[in-house]
Amino acid sequence: MTMEPAPENIAGEVVHRHSFEHRIEWGHVALAAAAIVIVVTVFGSDAVSAGESDTESDTARIGG
């Protein structure tokens, strides 16, 4: 059962308030950046080397 206020208790003003807070967790940003650098350092050079050696071996097979 809904109880409605008495008309004499209503001021006649409706106020809507919305708030939004945004924070950047710089520790998380630094951790993600470090992880990206590590992955690129460890896997990036291996992937490039493997790709080049595959290309060279394919070329050698075709030409030779």
N, C-alpha and C. Protein backbone atom coordinates (compact mmCIF):
# COMPACT_ATOMS: atom_id res chain seq x y z
N MET A 1 0.85 -1.17 0.00
CA MET A 1 0.00 0.00 0.00
C MET A 1 0.89 1.23 0.00
N THR A 2 0.67 2.14 -0.95
CA THR A 2 1.47 3.35 -1.06
C THR A 2 0.83 4.47 -0.27
N MET A 3 1.67 5.15 0.47
CA MET A 3 1.15 6.28 1.24
C MET A 3 1.52 7.57 0.53
N GLU A 4 0.56 8.35 0.20
CA GLU A 4 0.77 9.63 -0.46
C GLU A 4 0.87 10.72 0.60
N PRO A 5 1.78 11.69 0.42
CA PRO A 5 1.87 12.78 1.40
C PRO A 5 0.66 13.70 1.31
N ALA A 6 0.41 14.35 2.40
CA ALA A 6 -0.70 15.32 2.43
C ALA A 6 -0.35 16.50 1.54
N PRO A 7 -1.30 17.06 0.81
CA PRO A 7 -1.01 18.17 -0.10
C PRO A 7 -0.36 19.37 0.59
N GLU A 8 -0.66 19.63 1.83
CA GLU A 8 -0.05 20.77 2.52
C GLU A 8 1.42 20.52 2.86
N ASN A 9 1.88 19.29 2.74
CA ASN A 9 3.29 18.98 3.02
C ASN A 9 4.15 18.97 1.75
N ILE A 10 3.56 19.27 0.61
CA ILE A 10 4.29 19.27 -0.65
C ILE A 10 4.71 20.70 -0.98
N ALA A 11 6.03 20.91 -1.19
CA ALA A 11 6.54 22.24 -1.49
C ALA A 11 6.37 22.60 -2.96
N GLY A 12 6.21 21.65 -3.84
CA GLY A 12 6.02 21.93 -5.25
C GLY A 12 7.32 22.06 -6.03
N GLU A 13 8.40 21.56 -5.52
CA GLU A 13 9.69 21.64 -6.20
C GLU A 13 10.27 20.24 -6.33
N VAL A 14 10.65 19.88 -7.54
CA VAL A 14 11.26 18.58 -7.78
C VAL A 14 12.72 18.82 -8.14
N VAL A 15 13.61 18.16 -7.44
CA VAL A 15 15.04 18.32 -7.68
C VAL A 15 15.60 16.95 -8.05
N HIS A 16 16.27 16.90 -9.21
CA HIS A 16 16.95 15.68 -9.64
C HIS A 16 18.44 15.96 -9.62
N ARG A 17 19.16 15.12 -8.95
CA ARG A 17 20.62 15.28 -8.90
C ARG A 17 21.27 13.98 -9.37
N HIS A 18 22.24 14.14 -10.23
CA HIS A 18 23.01 13.00 -10.71
C HIS A 18 24.49 13.35 -10.54
N SER A 19 25.25 12.41 -10.10
CA SER A 19 26.68 12.66 -9.98
C SER A 19 27.43 11.51 -10.64
N PHE A 20 28.57 11.85 -11.18
CA PHE A 20 29.42 10.86 -11.84
C PHE A 20 30.85 11.16 -11.45
N GLU A 21 31.55 10.16 -11.01
CA GLU A 21 32.95 10.34 -10.62
C GLU A 21 33.80 9.39 -11.43
N HIS A 22 34.88 9.92 -11.99
CA HIS A 22 35.78 9.12 -12.80
C HIS A 22 37.19 9.30 -12.25
N ARG A 23 37.81 8.18 -11.92
CA ARG A 23 39.18 8.23 -11.43
C ARG A 23 40.04 7.28 -12.26
N ILE A 24 41.24 7.69 -12.53
CA ILE A 24 42.19 6.83 -13.23
C ILE A 24 43.12 6.25 -12.17
N GLU A 25 43.18 4.94 -12.14
CA GLU A 25 44.09 4.25 -11.23
C GLU A 25 45.44 4.15 -11.93
N TRP A 26 46.34 5.08 -11.62
CA TRP A 26 47.62 5.16 -12.32
C TRP A 26 48.48 3.94 -12.09
N GLY A 27 48.31 3.27 -10.96
CA GLY A 27 49.05 2.03 -10.71
C GLY A 27 48.67 0.95 -11.70
N HIS A 28 47.37 0.87 -12.03
CA HIS A 28 46.91 -0.11 -13.01
C HIS A 28 47.42 0.24 -14.41
N VAL A 29 47.45 1.52 -14.72
CA VAL A 29 47.95 1.95 -16.02
C VAL A 29 49.42 1.59 -16.16
N ALA A 30 50.20 1.84 -15.12
CA ALA A 30 51.62 1.52 -15.15
C ALA A 30 51.84 0.01 -15.26
N LEU A 31 51.05 -0.77 -14.55
CA LEU A 31 51.17 -2.22 -14.61
C LEU A 31 50.84 -2.74 -16.01
N ALA A 32 49.79 -2.21 -16.62
CA ALA A 32 49.42 -2.62 -17.98
C ALA A 32 50.50 -2.23 -18.98
N ALA A 33 51.06 -1.04 -18.84
CA ALA A 33 52.12 -0.59 -19.75
C ALA A 33 53.35 -1.48 -19.61
N ALA A 34 53.71 -1.83 -18.38
CA ALA A 34 54.86 -2.71 -18.15
C ALA A 34 54.60 -4.08 -18.76
N ALA A 35 53.39 -4.59 -18.61
CA ALA A 35 53.06 -5.90 -19.19
C ALA A 35 53.17 -5.87 -20.71
N ILE A 36 52.71 -4.79 -21.32
CA ILE A 36 52.79 -4.68 -22.79
C ILE A 36 54.24 -4.63 -23.24
N VAL A 37 55.06 -3.87 -22.53
CA VAL A 37 56.48 -3.79 -22.89
C VAL A 37 57.15 -5.15 -22.75
N ILE A 38 56.83 -5.88 -21.70
CA ILE A 38 57.43 -7.21 -21.49
C ILE A 38 57.00 -8.16 -22.60
N VAL A 39 55.72 -8.17 -22.93
CA VAL A 39 55.22 -9.07 -23.98
C VAL A 39 55.86 -8.74 -25.32
N VAL A 40 55.95 -7.46 -25.65
CA VAL A 40 56.55 -7.07 -26.93
C VAL A 40 58.03 -7.43 -26.93
N THR A 41 58.70 -7.23 -25.81
CA THR A 41 60.13 -7.53 -25.73
C THR A 41 60.39 -9.03 -25.86
N VAL A 42 59.62 -9.83 -25.14
CA VAL A 42 59.86 -11.27 -25.13
C VAL A 42 59.35 -11.94 -26.40
N PHE A 43 58.10 -11.66 -26.77
CA PHE A 43 57.50 -12.36 -27.90
C PHE A 43 57.65 -11.62 -29.22
N GLY A 44 57.80 -10.33 -29.17
CA GLY A 44 57.88 -9.54 -30.40
C GLY A 44 59.09 -9.87 -31.23
N SER A 45 60.26 -9.92 -30.63
CA SER A 45 61.46 -10.21 -31.39
C SER A 45 61.48 -11.65 -31.87
N ASP A 46 60.95 -12.58 -31.09
CA ASP A 46 60.88 -13.98 -31.52
C ASP A 46 59.94 -14.14 -32.70
N ALA A 47 58.82 -13.46 -32.66
CA ALA A 47 57.84 -13.57 -33.74
C ALA A 47 58.41 -12.99 -35.03
N VAL A 48 59.12 -11.89 -34.94
CA VAL A 48 59.72 -11.29 -36.13
C VAL A 48 60.81 -12.20 -36.67
N SER A 49 61.65 -12.76 -35.81
CA SER A 49 62.72 -13.65 -36.25
C SER A 49 62.14 -14.90 -36.90
N ALA A 50 61.10 -15.47 -36.30
CA ALA A 50 60.49 -16.67 -36.85
C ALA A 50 59.86 -16.37 -38.20
N GLY A 51 59.23 -15.23 -38.32
CA GLY A 51 58.61 -14.86 -39.59
C GLY A 51 59.64 -14.68 -40.68
N GLU A 52 60.77 -14.08 -40.36
CA GLU A 52 61.82 -13.87 -41.35
C GLU A 52 62.46 -15.19 -41.75
N SER A 53 62.69 -16.09 -40.80
CA SER A 53 63.32 -17.36 -41.13
C SER A 53 62.39 -18.22 -41.98
N ASP A 54 61.07 -18.16 -41.73
CA ASP A 54 60.12 -18.89 -42.57
C ASP A 54 60.15 -18.36 -44.00
N THR A 55 60.20 -17.06 -44.14
CA THR A 55 60.23 -16.45 -45.46
C THR A 55 61.50 -16.83 -46.20
N GLU A 56 62.62 -16.81 -45.48
CA GLU A 56 63.89 -17.16 -46.11
C GLU A 56 63.91 -18.61 -46.53
N SER A 57 63.37 -19.51 -45.70
CA SER A 57 63.39 -20.92 -46.06
C SER A 57 62.45 -21.19 -47.23
N ASP A 58 61.31 -20.48 -47.29
CA ASP A 58 60.40 -20.64 -48.42
C ASP A 58 61.07 -20.18 -49.71
N THR A 59 61.78 -19.07 -49.63
CA THR A 59 62.46 -18.53 -50.81
C THR A 59 63.56 -19.49 -51.25
N ALA A 60 64.28 -20.07 -50.30
CA ALA A 60 65.34 -21.00 -50.64
C ALA A 60 64.77 -22.25 -51.31
N ARG A 61 63.61 -22.73 -50.83
CA ARG A 61 62.99 -23.91 -51.41
C ARG A 61 62.51 -23.63 -52.84
N ILE A 62 61.95 -22.45 -53.04
CA ILE A 62 61.42 -22.10 -54.35
C ILE A 62 62.56 -21.91 -55.35
N GLY A 63 63.59 -21.17 -54.92
CA GLY A 63 64.68 -20.85 -55.83
C GLY A 63 65.66 -22.00 -56.00
N GLY A 64 65.73 -22.89 -55.03
CA GLY A 64 66.79 -23.87 -55.04
C GLY A 64 66.36 -25.17 -55.49
